[in-house]
Protein backbone atom coordinates (compact mmCIF):
# COMPACT_ATOMS: atom_id res chain seq x y z
CA MET A 1 105.32 221.63 269.39
CA THR A 2 103.51 223.72 271.98
CA SER A 3 100.60 222.84 274.20
CA SER A 4 98.61 225.08 276.51
CA ARG A 5 95.37 224.45 278.38
CA THR A 6 92.61 226.70 279.64
CA HIS A 7 89.47 225.44 281.43
CA LEU A 8 86.15 226.92 280.34
CA PRO A 9 83.24 225.64 282.47
CA ARG A 10 79.72 226.74 281.71
CA GLY A 11 78.62 228.43 284.91
CA GLY A 12 78.32 232.20 285.03
CA ALA A 13 79.08 232.72 281.34
CA ARG A 14 75.84 234.62 280.71
CA GLY A 15 77.09 237.38 282.97
CA ILE A 16 80.37 237.87 281.19
CA GLY A 17 80.57 240.96 278.99
CA ARG A 18 80.73 240.15 275.30
CA PHE A 19 83.79 241.09 273.34
CA GLY A 20 83.33 243.70 270.62
CA ARG A 21 84.12 242.82 267.01
CA ARG A 22 87.45 244.65 267.14
CA ALA A 23 88.40 242.96 270.38
CA LEU A 24 87.98 239.42 269.04
CA PHE A 25 91.57 239.02 267.94
CA GLY A 26 93.13 241.53 270.29
CA ALA A 27 91.81 240.29 273.57
CA LEU A 28 93.71 239.04 276.60
CA PRO A 29 95.92 235.95 276.17
CA VAL A 30 94.02 232.69 276.31
CA ALA A 31 95.80 231.61 279.46
CA SER A 32 94.36 234.60 281.35
CA LEU A 33 90.72 233.83 280.49
CA ALA A 34 88.67 231.70 282.88
CA PHE A 35 85.02 231.13 283.61
CA ALA A 36 83.83 230.21 287.12
CA ALA A 37 82.54 226.65 287.55
CA GLN A 38 79.12 225.93 288.98
CA ALA A 39 78.85 223.84 292.11
CA GLN A 40 77.28 220.84 290.36
CA PRO A 41 79.52 218.31 288.59
CA ALA A 42 80.40 219.17 284.99
CA ASP A 43 81.02 217.06 281.93
CA ALA A 44 84.48 217.60 280.47
CA ALA A 45 85.59 218.05 276.88
CA THR A 46 88.73 219.30 275.14
CA LEU A 47 88.88 221.78 272.27
CA LEU A 48 92.08 221.30 270.27
CA VAL A 49 93.25 224.52 268.65
CA PRO A 50 96.37 225.20 266.52
CA GLY A 51 98.96 227.33 268.26
CA PRO A 52 100.23 229.77 269.25
CA GLU A 53 98.21 230.17 272.43
CA THR A 54 97.73 233.91 271.81
CA GLY A 55 97.03 233.45 268.09
CA PRO A 56 93.75 234.38 266.38
CA LEU A 57 92.39 230.83 266.34
CA ALA A 58 93.08 230.34 270.04
CA LEU A 59 91.33 233.61 270.83
CA PHE A 60 88.38 232.70 268.65
CA GLY A 61 88.34 229.26 270.29
CA THR A 62 88.13 230.89 273.71
CA ARG A 63 85.15 232.96 272.67
CA ALA A 64 83.40 230.09 270.91
CA ALA A 65 84.02 227.70 273.80
CA ALA A 66 82.42 230.12 276.25
CA GLY A 67 79.45 230.56 273.93
CA LEU A 68 78.94 226.85 273.47
CA ALA A 69 79.26 226.16 277.19
CA ARG A 70 76.63 228.70 278.16
CA ASN A 71 74.19 227.25 275.63
CA MET A 72 74.55 223.59 276.65
CA PRO A 73 71.65 222.13 278.66
CA GLN A 74 74.07 220.75 281.26
CA ALA A 75 77.26 222.15 282.77
CA VAL A 76 80.26 221.50 280.52
CA ALA A 77 83.91 222.13 281.36
CA LEU A 78 85.41 222.84 277.95
CA ARG A 79 89.21 222.86 278.13
CA LEU A 80 91.25 224.55 275.42
CA GLU A 81 94.48 222.87 274.36
CA THR A 82 96.71 224.66 271.85
CA LEU A 83 98.84 222.24 269.90
CA GLY A 84 101.41 222.59 267.14
CA GLY A 85 101.74 225.43 264.67
CA PRO A 86 99.20 227.68 262.94
CA ASP A 87 98.83 225.44 259.88
CA GLY A 88 96.84 223.07 262.09
CA VAL A 89 98.21 219.76 260.78
CA THR A 90 99.56 218.67 264.17
CA ALA A 91 96.29 219.46 265.96
CA ALA A 92 94.24 217.69 263.28
CA ASN A 93 96.43 214.59 263.43
CA ARG A 94 96.06 214.43 267.21
CA PHE A 95 92.29 214.86 266.96
CA ALA A 96 92.00 212.08 264.37
CA THR A 97 94.01 209.57 266.40
CA SER A 98 92.70 210.35 269.90
CA ASP A 99 90.34 207.87 271.57
CA THR A 100 88.13 210.51 273.16
CA ALA A 101 84.67 208.90 272.86
CA GLY A 102 83.18 212.20 271.73
CA ARG A 103 84.95 214.26 274.39
CA ALA A 104 87.04 216.28 271.94
CA LEU A 105 86.45 219.08 269.46
CA LEU A 106 88.83 220.59 266.92
CA ILE A 107 89.30 223.93 265.20
CA LEU A 108 90.73 223.17 261.77
CA PRO A 109 92.28 226.02 259.73
CA GLY A 110 92.22 226.27 255.97
CA ALA A 111 95.95 225.56 255.71
CA ALA A 112 95.46 222.04 257.07
CA VAL A 113 92.56 221.46 254.69
CA HIS A 114 94.68 222.40 251.69
CA ALA A 115 97.69 220.42 252.94
CA ARG A 116 95.52 217.30 252.71
CA MET A 117 94.42 218.07 249.15
CA ALA A 118 97.97 218.86 248.08
CA GLY A 119 99.26 215.53 249.44
CA ASP A 120 101.41 216.87 252.28
CA VAL A 121 103.16 213.84 253.81
CA ARG A 122 102.58 215.18 257.34
CA VAL A 123 98.81 214.81 257.02
CA ARG A 124 97.43 211.74 258.80
CA PHE A 125 93.85 212.88 259.39
CA GLU A 126 90.74 211.86 257.47
CA PRO A 127 87.73 214.19 257.89
CA THR A 128 85.06 211.71 256.72
CA GLY A 129 82.23 211.76 259.24
CA TRP A 130 83.42 214.77 261.22
CA VAL A 131 80.45 216.79 262.49
CA PRO A 132 80.74 220.54 261.76
CA LEU A 133 79.60 223.04 264.37
CA LEU A 134 81.00 226.42 263.37
CA ALA A 135 83.05 228.02 260.62
CA LEU A 136 84.78 231.39 260.54
CA LEU A 137 85.45 232.80 257.07
CA GLN A 138 87.31 235.76 255.60
CA PRO A 139 86.91 237.56 252.25
CA VAL A 140 89.03 236.39 249.31
CA TRP A 141 89.39 238.37 246.08
CA LEU A 142 91.39 237.82 242.92
CA ALA A 143 92.50 241.34 241.96
CA GLY A 144 94.52 242.52 238.99
CA ARG A 145 95.51 245.44 236.83
CA GLY A 146 92.56 246.93 234.94
CA ALA A 147 89.32 245.09 234.30
CA LEU A 148 89.08 241.30 234.18
CA PRO A 149 90.65 240.30 230.83
CA ALA A 150 88.58 238.57 228.18
CA ALA A 151 89.09 234.89 227.47
CA GLY A 152 91.52 233.99 224.74
CA GLY A 153 93.53 237.20 224.85
CA ARG A 154 97.15 237.36 223.72
CA ALA A 155 98.53 239.01 226.86
CA VAL A 156 99.91 236.69 229.55
CA TRP A 157 99.03 237.90 233.03
CA ARG A 158 101.60 237.35 235.76
CA VAL A 159 100.04 235.90 238.91
CA ALA A 160 101.82 236.16 242.28
CA VAL A 161 101.73 232.87 244.21
CA SER A 162 103.32 232.13 247.58
CA GLY A 163 104.74 228.79 246.49
CA PRO A 164 104.19 225.85 244.14
CA GLY A 165 100.91 224.15 244.88
CA ASN A 166 99.90 226.48 247.73
CA ALA A 167 96.22 227.38 247.98
CA ASP A 168 96.70 230.86 246.50
CA SER A 169 97.77 229.12 243.29
CA ALA A 170 94.02 228.83 242.75
CA ALA A 171 94.28 232.35 241.33
CA LEU A 172 96.18 230.93 238.36
CA LEU A 173 93.87 227.92 238.08
CA ALA A 174 90.81 230.21 238.05
CA LEU A 175 92.29 232.11 235.11
CA ASP A 176 93.01 228.81 233.36
CA LEU A 177 89.37 227.79 233.79
CA LEU A 178 88.22 231.15 232.40
CA GLY A 179 90.50 230.85 229.38
CA ILE A 180 92.66 233.81 230.42
CA PRO A 181 96.40 233.27 229.80
CA GLY A 182 98.40 233.42 233.01
CA ALA A 183 101.87 232.62 234.30
CA PRO A 184 102.89 231.96 237.94
CA VAL A 185 105.29 234.30 239.71
CA PRO A 186 106.54 232.57 242.90
CA VAL A 187 107.09 235.24 245.55
CA GLY A 188 107.64 233.14 248.69
CA PRO A 189 105.49 232.73 251.79
CA LEU A 190 106.47 235.87 253.72
CA PRO A 191 103.57 238.25 254.50
CA GLY A 192 103.41 241.10 252.04
CA ALA A 193 105.57 239.38 249.40
CA ALA A 194 102.80 239.28 246.79
CA GLU A 195 101.96 242.94 247.35
CA ALA A 196 105.64 243.81 246.99
CA ALA A 197 105.75 241.98 243.66
CA ILE A 198 102.78 244.06 242.44
CA ARG A 199 104.43 247.31 243.50
CA ALA A 200 107.69 246.29 241.82
CA ASP A 201 105.78 245.50 238.59
CA GLN A 202 106.85 241.87 238.79
CA ALA A 203 103.23 240.62 238.90
CA ASP A 204 99.86 241.73 237.57
CA ALA A 205 97.43 239.85 239.81
CA LEU A 206 97.21 238.26 243.26
CA MET A 207 94.85 236.79 245.80
CA ILE A 208 93.79 239.22 248.56
CA CYS A 209 92.73 237.39 251.73
CA GLY A 210 91.38 239.06 254.84
CA PRO A 211 89.57 242.24 255.85
CA ASP A 212 89.05 245.31 253.65
CA PRO A 213 89.88 243.72 250.28
CA ALA A 214 88.57 246.75 248.36
CA GLN A 215 90.84 249.13 250.24
CA ARG A 216 93.83 246.81 249.86
CA ALA A 217 93.23 246.34 246.14
CA GLY A 218 92.86 250.09 245.65
CA SER A 219 96.11 250.80 247.48
CA LEU A 220 97.89 248.58 244.94
CA GLY A 221 96.15 250.14 241.95
CA LEU A 222 94.23 246.91 241.28
CA GLN A 223 90.62 246.12 240.45
CA PRO A 224 88.57 243.13 241.63
CA TRP A 225 88.54 240.39 239.02
CA LEU A 226 86.71 237.73 241.03
CA ARG A 227 85.07 237.99 244.45
CA PHE A 228 84.86 234.55 246.02
CA GLY A 229 81.86 234.33 248.30
CA THR A 230 79.89 231.31 247.13
CA PRO A 231 80.60 228.28 244.93
CA ALA A 232 78.75 230.15 242.15
CA SER A 233 81.97 232.08 241.50
CA LEU A 234 82.75 229.44 238.86
CA SER A 235 80.01 227.78 236.84
CA ASP A 236 82.07 224.71 235.86
CA ARG A 237 81.50 221.66 238.08
CA GLY A 238 84.15 219.31 236.67
CA PRO A 239 86.92 217.88 238.89
CA VAL A 240 89.39 220.68 238.08
CA ALA A 241 86.84 223.38 238.89
CA LEU A 242 85.89 221.63 242.14
CA ALA A 243 89.58 221.48 243.04
CA CYS A 244 89.86 225.21 242.39
CA LEU A 245 86.82 225.92 244.57
CA ALA A 246 88.27 223.72 247.34
CA ALA A 247 91.53 225.67 247.32
CA ILE A 248 89.66 228.98 247.37
CA ALA A 249 87.45 227.74 250.22
CA SER A 250 90.56 226.81 252.20
CA LEU A 251 91.84 230.37 251.72
CA ARG A 252 88.53 231.73 252.98
CA LEU A 253 88.49 229.38 255.98
CA ARG A 254 89.98 230.82 259.15
CA GLY A 255 88.71 227.97 261.28
CA LEU A 256 86.22 225.09 261.19
CA MET A 257 85.05 223.62 264.51
CA VAL A 258 84.16 219.93 264.32
CA LEU A 259 83.21 216.97 266.47
CA PRO A 260 84.65 213.47 265.86
CA ALA A 261 82.98 211.03 263.51
CA LEU A 262 81.99 208.46 266.13
CA ILE A 263 80.11 210.81 268.43
CA GLY A 264 76.57 209.71 269.33
CA SER A 265 73.71 211.32 267.44
CA ASP A 266 72.04 212.72 270.58
CA GLN A 267 75.30 214.21 271.80
CA ALA A 268 76.01 215.71 268.36
CA ALA A 269 72.52 217.23 268.25
CA THR A 270 73.10 218.89 271.64
CA TRP A 271 76.38 220.45 270.48
CA ARG A 272 74.79 221.58 267.21
CA LEU A 273 71.96 223.30 269.06
CA ALA A 274 74.44 225.06 271.34
CA ALA A 275 76.43 226.19 268.28
CA THR A 276 73.30 227.49 266.58
CA ARG A 277 72.38 229.53 269.65
CA PHE A 278 75.95 230.84 269.92
CA VAL A 279 75.78 232.12 266.33
CA GLU A 280 72.43 233.77 267.08
CA ASP A 281 74.00 235.46 270.12
CA GLU A 282 76.85 236.74 267.95
CA GLN A 283 74.75 238.23 265.15
CA HIS A 284 75.12 241.83 266.27
CA ASP A 285 78.50 241.92 267.97
CA GLY A 286 80.37 238.87 266.70
CA PRO A 287 82.95 238.39 263.97
CA ASP A 288 82.00 238.75 260.33
CA GLY A 289 81.81 235.45 258.43
CA LEU A 290 80.64 233.27 261.34
CA LEU A 291 78.61 230.26 260.15
CA GLY A 292 76.50 227.85 262.16
CA PRO A 293 76.21 224.06 261.81
CA THR A 294 74.07 223.90 258.65
CA GLN A 295 76.18 226.36 256.66
CA ALA A 296 79.39 224.79 257.99
CA ALA A 297 78.19 221.40 256.76
CA ASP A 298 77.58 222.84 253.29
CA LEU A 299 81.06 224.35 253.35
CA MET A 300 82.63 220.97 254.18
CA GLY A 301 81.37 219.62 250.88
CA THR A 302 83.45 222.26 249.10
CA LEU A 303 86.49 222.03 251.35
CA PHE A 304 86.80 218.25 251.02
CA PRO A 305 86.01 217.34 247.40
CA ALA A 306 85.84 213.86 245.90
CA PRO A 307 89.07 211.97 245.13
CA ASP A 308 88.90 212.85 241.42
CA ALA A 309 89.03 216.56 242.28
CA ILE A 310 91.98 215.99 244.62
CA LEU A 311 93.80 214.12 241.87
CA ALA A 312 92.91 216.91 239.42
CA TRP A 313 94.53 219.51 241.70
CA ARG A 314 97.73 217.49 242.06
CA GLU A 315 97.99 216.84 238.34
CA TRP A 316 97.35 220.49 237.52
CA ALA A 317 99.91 221.64 240.11
CA GLN A 318 102.51 219.28 238.69
CA ARG A 319 101.87 220.41 235.12
CA ARG A 320 101.62 224.16 235.73
CA LEU A 321 103.78 224.66 238.81
CA GLY A 322 106.22 221.74 238.75
CA THR A 323 105.12 220.42 242.14
CA ARG A 324 104.45 216.86 243.27
CA ALA A 325 102.27 215.56 246.08
CA GLY A 326 104.26 215.38 249.30
């Protein structure tokens, strides 16, 4: 487990040059970034971010922390602390069990969200009442050979999945919901494994997550079957469909910034206003897929479905993939 801290006071942040879109995840290491403190006393808060300290979430956290600090009505020293690995479970557990009296924030990645739904025994956090400030999303497509097959066909389409019960298994569940026969092809979690299975003709379809999905699909000779941008991607609203949408939303989620459940309403409103102004600042030069507090709150409803949807995912994963919670 790693931990690294960077102090981000408010003062002088307006004068700092803004990063370009391409520089967001290729900027200087977090430890080298600092913002000069004003002379007056500053409130202090900690932003917990999954490691590594030079990873994309830490770099986004640095940028977001500076933006929030400069939009707060009073000086705020916002300290970044990177904790645990990139799946975010360690950071989320710490956030949930810390007695911070509203002095902590968290960036939660999609992997931690799905770990909770899948019943990962490491998960000890409960997001009920968390106050969303920001969300950073990425495109997610289900792509396959040829056009999207019709329901009830005789062909069985092979779907590359990184592992039993992982979030990209939602590709297979989406086909199940559409009545399209599919079979899982476990390819392992290594980057590029699903693409390699397509090129080796061991799979017919996969989830594409991240930038340039059209170009990536085209390079594999695939066509878009489903583009996941809103919950309207699937019309069904039963527990199984909601579980599928939750898994897809966790794939789309790069990071969700939240406040703790017990924060005071006035304090939460101040942070929400700062987050809204930060998103407005970022409209022309910020990352694609950046959501403010209202949209992030709507997203939370999809990310964290009701218990019957969670149970539906686990039962489906056990039946179709042979996995069990934990």
